[in-house]
Protein backbone atom coordinates (compact mmCIF):
# COMPACT_ATOMS: atom_id res chain seq x y z
CA MET A 1 0.00 0.00 0.00
CA ASN A 2 1.34 3.44 -0.82
CA LEU A 3 0.71 6.83 0.77
CA THR A 4 -2.03 7.70 -1.75
CA GLU A 5 -3.93 4.49 -0.94
CA LEU A 6 -3.49 5.07 2.80
CA GLY A 7 -4.85 8.60 2.37
CA ALA A 8 -7.91 7.31 0.52
CA ALA A 9 -8.58 4.67 3.20
CA PHE A 10 -8.17 7.34 5.87
CA ARG A 11 -10.60 9.70 4.06
CA ASP A 12 -13.20 6.93 3.75
CA ALA A 13 -12.94 6.13 7.47
CA ARG A 14 -13.15 9.81 8.42
CA ILE A 15 -16.26 10.33 6.33
CA ALA A 16 -17.85 7.10 7.60
CA GLY A 17 -17.22 8.37 11.13
CA ASN A 18 -18.92 11.69 10.34
CA LEU A 19 -15.78 13.62 11.24
CA THR A 20 -14.60 16.80 9.56
CA GLN A 21 -10.97 17.39 8.71
CA GLN A 22 -10.94 20.10 11.38
CA GLN A 23 -12.24 17.70 14.04
CA VAL A 24 -9.58 15.15 13.11
CA ALA A 25 -6.95 17.90 13.22
CA GLU A 26 -7.99 18.76 16.76
CA LEU A 27 -8.04 15.10 17.84
CA SER A 28 -4.71 14.21 16.25
CA GLY A 29 -2.68 17.40 16.48
CA VAL A 30 -2.01 17.26 12.72
CA PRO A 31 -2.82 20.49 10.83
CA ARG A 32 -5.97 20.40 8.69
CA SER A 33 -3.97 21.46 5.63
CA ARG A 34 -1.77 18.33 5.96
CA ILE A 35 -4.87 16.16 6.35
CA SER A 36 -6.32 17.63 3.16
CA LEU A 37 -3.10 16.92 1.25
CA PHE A 38 -2.92 13.40 2.69
CA GLU A 39 -6.50 12.59 1.66
CA SER A 40 -6.04 13.96 -1.85
CA GLY A 41 -2.83 12.03 -2.48
CA MET A 42 -0.80 15.23 -2.79
CA LEU A 43 1.37 14.72 0.29
CA ALA A 44 4.89 13.53 -0.46
CA GLU A 45 5.66 12.36 3.10
CA LEU A 46 3.88 11.96 6.41
CA GLY A 47 5.78 10.82 9.49
CA ALA A 48 4.86 7.60 11.23
CA VAL A 49 3.81 9.32 14.47
CA LYS A 50 1.49 11.69 12.59
CA MET A 51 0.01 8.86 10.55
CA LEU A 52 -0.62 6.79 13.66
CA SER A 53 -2.30 9.80 15.32
CA LEU A 54 -4.50 10.35 12.27
CA PHE A 55 -5.46 6.70 12.00
CA ASP A 56 -6.22 6.52 15.72
CA ALA A 57 -8.50 9.56 15.44
CA VAL A 58 -10.71 7.80 12.86
CA GLY A 59 -10.53 4.31 14.37
CA LEU A 60 -8.02 2.74 11.99
CA GLU A 61 -4.85 0.82 12.77
CA LEU A 62 -1.77 -0.03 10.75
CA LEU A 63 -0.78 -3.65 10.42
CA ALA A 64 2.74 -4.70 9.45
CA ARG A 65 3.21 -7.93 7.52
CA ARG A 66 5.58 -9.37 4.97
CA ARG A 67 5.42 -7.90 1.49
CA GLY A 68 3.41 -10.02 -0.90
CA HIS A 69 1.52 -11.75 1.90
CA GLN A 70 -1.87 -12.93 0.72
CA ARG A 71 -4.56 -12.97 3.38
CA THR A 72 -5.87 -16.42 4.11
CA LEU A 73 -9.07 -17.54 5.75
CA ASP A 74 -7.02 -18.20 8.89
CA ASP A 75 -5.86 -14.55 8.84
CA VAL A 76 -9.44 -13.31 8.56
CA LEU A 77 -10.64 -15.58 11.36
CA HIS A 78 -7.75 -14.49 13.59
CA GLU A 79 -8.53 -10.81 12.92
CA ARG A 80 -12.20 -11.37 13.73
CA GLU A 81 -11.32 -13.14 16.98
CA GLU A 82 -9.01 -10.29 17.98
CA SER A 83 -11.58 -7.61 17.20
CA ALA A 84 -14.32 -9.55 19.01
CA GLY A 85 -12.09 -9.78 22.07
CA ALA A 86 -11.41 -6.06 21.96
CA ALA A 87 -15.08 -5.26 21.40
CA THR A 88 -16.20 -7.30 24.39
CA GLY A 89 -13.56 -5.65 26.54
CA ARG A 90 -11.98 -8.85 27.78
CA ARG A 91 -10.99 -8.53 31.36
CA ARG A 92 -10.28 -10.73 34.28
CA VAL A 93 -13.20 -11.32 36.59
CA ARG A 94 -12.99 -13.11 39.89
CA SER A 95 -15.98 -14.97 41.18
CA ARG A 96 -17.17 -14.47 44.71
CA ARG A 97 -16.77 -17.30 47.14
CA ASN A 98 -19.87 -18.65 48.77
CA THR A 99 -19.32 -18.36 52.49
CA SER A 100 -21.60 -19.41 55.28
CA GLU A 101 -21.97 -17.35 58.41
CA GLY A 102 -19.06 -17.76 60.75
CA GLN A 103 -16.67 -18.95 58.03
CA PRO A 104 -14.01 -16.73 56.44
């Protein structure tokens, strides 16, 4: 994926989230003018920290994998399991012990 494709994916996510460029600028700390250039494919370079901030603001994440990797059904299932775990807010819960009166 190149910077132009990342910008288009970002724009689609921003619009789907009903966010303006100005709102994303305020959330991410990246100037609105840079966001506009990024979305239009006119930005020559955008640092990793800025890109991560932008993606976080619209609910996207970057995933690193080997070049040429073709997604398999196992990859899709693994991604779904991970997102389901995050969506349910997995956390550790301890059950209460049943104690009778007079017992600790």
